[in-house]
C-alpha atoms as a PDB file:
ATOM      1  CA  MET A   1       0.200  -0.538  -0.026  1.00  0.00           C
ATOM      2  CA  LEU A   2       2.701   2.244   1.438  1.00  0.00           C
ATOM      3  CA  GLY A   3       4.291   2.334  -2.280  1.00  0.00           C
ATOM      4  CA  ARG A   4       1.757   2.727  -4.564  1.00  0.00           C
ATOM      5  CA  LEU A   5       0.622   5.941  -1.914  1.00  0.00           C
ATOM      6  CA  ALA A   6       4.320   7.296  -3.189  1.00  0.00           C
ATOM      7  CA  GLU A   7       3.379   6.875  -6.471  1.00  0.00           C
ATOM      8  CA  ARG A   8      -0.394   9.231  -5.559  1.00  0.00           C
ATOM      9  CA  GLU A   9      -3.140   9.603  -3.176  1.00  0.00           C
ATOM     10  CA  LEU A  10      -5.765   7.149  -3.951  1.00  0.00           C
ATOM     11  CA  THR A  11      -9.368   5.877  -2.219  1.00  0.00           C
ATOM     12  CA  ILE A  12      -9.261   2.235   0.808  1.00  0.00           C
ATOM     13  CA  GLY A  13     -10.765   0.620  -2.174  1.00  0.00           C
ATOM     14  CA  GLU A  14      -8.442   1.745  -4.748  1.00  0.00           C
ATOM     15  CA  LEU A  15      -5.552   0.152  -2.349  1.00  0.00           C
ATOM     16  CA  ALA A  16      -7.531  -3.019  -1.706  1.00  0.00           C
ATOM     17  CA  THR A  17      -8.456  -3.835  -5.270  1.00  0.00           C
ATOM     18  CA  PRO A  18      -4.923  -5.822  -5.936  1.00  0.00           C
ATOM     19  CA  PHE A  19      -4.530  -7.472  -2.145  1.00  0.00           C
ATOM     20  CA  HIS A  20      -7.822  -8.531  -3.254  1.00  0.00           C
ATOM     21  CA  MET A  21      -9.888  -7.717   0.210  1.00  0.00           C
ATOM     22  CA  SER A  22     -12.214  -6.164   2.103  1.00  0.00           C
ATOM     23  CA  PHE A  23     -12.977  -2.294   1.639  1.00  0.00           C
ATOM     24  CA  ALA A  24     -13.120  -2.893   5.838  1.00  0.00           C
ATOM     25  CA  GLY A  25     -10.125  -4.855   5.683  1.00  0.00           C
ATOM     26  CA  ALA A  26      -8.553  -2.125   3.711  1.00  0.00           C
ATOM     27  CA  SER A  27      -9.837   1.010   6.248  1.00  0.00           C
ATOM     28  CA  LYS A  28      -8.407  -1.290   9.731  1.00  0.00           C
ATOM     29  CA  HIS A  29      -4.807  -1.184   7.313  1.00  0.00           C
ATOM     30  CA  VAL A  30      -4.817   2.194   6.465  1.00  0.00           C
ATOM     31  CA  ARG A  31      -6.013   3.008   9.934  1.00  0.00           C
ATOM     32  CA  VAL A  32      -2.609   1.007  10.741  1.00  0.00           C
ATOM     33  CA  LEU A  33      -0.709   3.090   9.071  1.00  0.00           C
ATOM     34  CA  GLU A  34      -2.213   6.720  10.128  1.00  0.00           C
ATOM     35  CA  ASN A  35      -1.653   5.188  13.750  1.00  0.00           C
ATOM     36  CA  ALA A  36       1.462   5.311  12.525  1.00  0.00           C
ATOM     37  CA  GLY A  37       2.128   8.669  10.912  1.00  0.00           C
ATOM     38  CA  LEU A  38       2.904   7.093   7.254  1.00  0.00           C
ATOM     39  CA  VAL A  39      -1.246   7.688   5.762  1.00  0.00           C
ATOM     40  CA  LYS A  40      -2.619  10.737   5.935  1.00  0.00           C
ATOM     41  CA  ARG A  41      -6.592  10.808   5.336  1.00  0.00           C
ATOM     42  CA  THR A  42      -8.680  13.471   4.086  1.00  0.00           C
ATOM     43  CA  ILE A  43     -12.638  12.821   3.476  1.00  0.00           C
ATOM     44  CA  ARG A  44     -13.711  13.814   0.917  1.00  0.00           C
ATOM     45  CA  GLY A  45     -17.978  13.239   0.856  1.00  0.00           C
ATOM     46  CA  ARG A  46     -18.003   9.201   0.589  1.00  0.00           C
ATOM     47  CA  SER A  47     -14.988   9.097  -0.224  1.00  0.00           C
ATOM     48  CA  HIS A  48     -11.908   8.840   1.856  1.00  0.00           C
ATOM     49  CA  LEU A  49      -8.924   9.757  -0.319  1.00  0.00           C
ATOM     50  CA  CYS A  50      -5.253   8.589   1.403  1.00  0.00           C
ATOM     51  CA  ARG A  51      -1.785  10.400   1.127  1.00  0.00           C
ATOM     52  CA  LEU A  52       1.627   9.410   2.333  1.00  0.00           C
ATOM     53  CA  GLU A  53       3.197  10.827   4.578  1.00  0.00           C
ATOM     54  CA  ALA A  54       6.883  10.412   4.152  1.00  0.00           C
ATOM     55  CA  ALA A  55       8.136  12.578   6.704  1.00  0.00           C
ATOM     56  CA  ARG A  56       7.828   9.747   8.739  1.00  0.00           C
ATOM     57  CA  LEU A  57       9.156   7.726   6.297  1.00  0.00           C
ATOM     58  CA  ALA A  58      12.860   8.738   6.092  1.00  0.00           C
ATOM     59  CA  GLU A  59      13.030   8.829  10.174  1.00  0.00           C
ATOM     60  CA  ALA A  60      12.973   5.369  10.451  1.00  0.00           C
ATOM     61  CA  ASP A  61      15.196   5.520   7.069  1.00  0.00           C
ATOM     62  CA  ALA A  62      16.998   7.727   9.529  1.00  0.00           C
ATOM     63  CA  TRP A  63      16.617   5.376  11.933  1.00  0.00           C
ATOM     64  CA  LEU A  64      17.409   2.058  10.338  1.00  0.00           C
ATOM     65  CA  LYS A  65      20.627   3.294   8.093  1.00  0.00           C
ATOM     66  CA  ARG A  66      21.813   3.721  11.957  1.00  0.00           C
ATOM     67  CA  TYR A  67      21.444  -0.160  13.364  1.00  0.00           C
ATOM     68  CA  GLU A  68      22.983  -0.944   9.315  1.00  0.00           C
ATOM     69  CA  ARG A  69      25.722   0.832  10.458  1.00  0.00           C
ATOM     70  CA  PHE A  70      26.688  -1.219  13.116  1.00  0.00           C
ATOM     71  CA  TRP A  71      25.462  -4.115  11.794  1.00  0.00           C
ATOM     72  CA  THR A  72      27.179  -4.534   8.996  1.00  0.00           C
ATOM     73  CA  ALA A  73      30.902  -3.428  11.103  1.00  0.00           C
ATOM     74  CA  LYS A  74      29.339  -6.738  13.394  1.00  0.00           C
ATOM     75  CA  LEU A  75      29.174  -8.398  10.287  1.00  0.00           C
ATOM     76  CA  ASP A  76      32.291  -7.657   8.188  1.00  0.00           C
ATOM     77  CA  ARG A  77      34.257  -8.366  12.158  1.00  0.00           C
ATOM     78  CA  LEU A  78      33.231 -11.879  11.570  1.00  0.00           C
ATOM     79  CA  GLU A  79      34.176 -12.510   8.755  1.00  0.00           C
ATOM     80  CA  ALA A  80      37.493 -11.220   8.296  1.00  0.00           C
ATOM     81  CA  LEU A  81      37.638 -13.616  12.294  1.00  0.00           C
ATOM     82  CA  LEU A  82      35.691 -17.282   9.748  1.00  0.00           C
ATOM     83  CA  ARG A  83      38.463 -15.518   6.514  1.00  0.00           C
ATOM     84  CA  GLU A  84      41.337 -16.365   9.691  1.00  0.00           C
ATOM     85  CA  GLU A  85      40.521 -19.535  10.856  1.00  0.00           C
ATOM     86  CA  ASP A  86      39.342 -20.594   7.440  1.00  0.00           C
ATOM     87  CA  ARG A  87      43.244 -19.647   6.895  1.00  0.00           C
ATOM     88  CA  ALA A  88      44.747 -21.089   9.981  1.00  0.00           C
ATOM     89  CA  GLN A  89      43.004 -24.430   9.181  1.00  0.00           C
ATOM     90  CA  ALA A  90      44.988 -24.319   5.985  1.00  0.00           C
ATOM     91  CA  LYS A  91      47.994 -23.864   6.948  1.00  0.00           C
ATOM     92  CA  SER A  92      47.307 -26.823   8.913  1.00  0.00           C
ATOM     93  CA  LYS A  93      45.569 -29.132   6.833  1.00  0.00           C
ATOM     94  CA  SER A  94      48.680 -28.737   4.705  1.00  0.00           C
ATOM     95  CA  LYS A  95      51.812 -29.082   7.428  1.00  0.00           C
ATOM     96  CA  SER A  96      50.477 -32.160   7.919  1.00  0.00           C
ATOM     97  CA  VAL A  97      50.041 -33.690   4.841  1.00  0.00           C
ATOM     98  CA  THR A  98      53.448 -32.733   4.439  1.00  0.00           C
ATOM     99  CA  GLU A  99      55.416 -34.234   7.870  1.00  0.00           C
END
């Protein structure tokens, strides 16, 4: 839904259609997105138009990037340790073969 809302405003019915959801199900989903601050709903007559609140996604992206840097550093260190261990095992095996 968020991807579709990035393109343009849509009604709840339009949001529901590709997901084969009922209007009520889509409305509940939109309410959750509204509560998270990701979607803003405007009522025009009987139509409920939804639009993406991109600023909230930018906040989430910034938060995730902080953890991405953390985990990238940890995984890079793990990779270095595993390579070091592989080299030590290979060296040990080649030493035992030549003896």
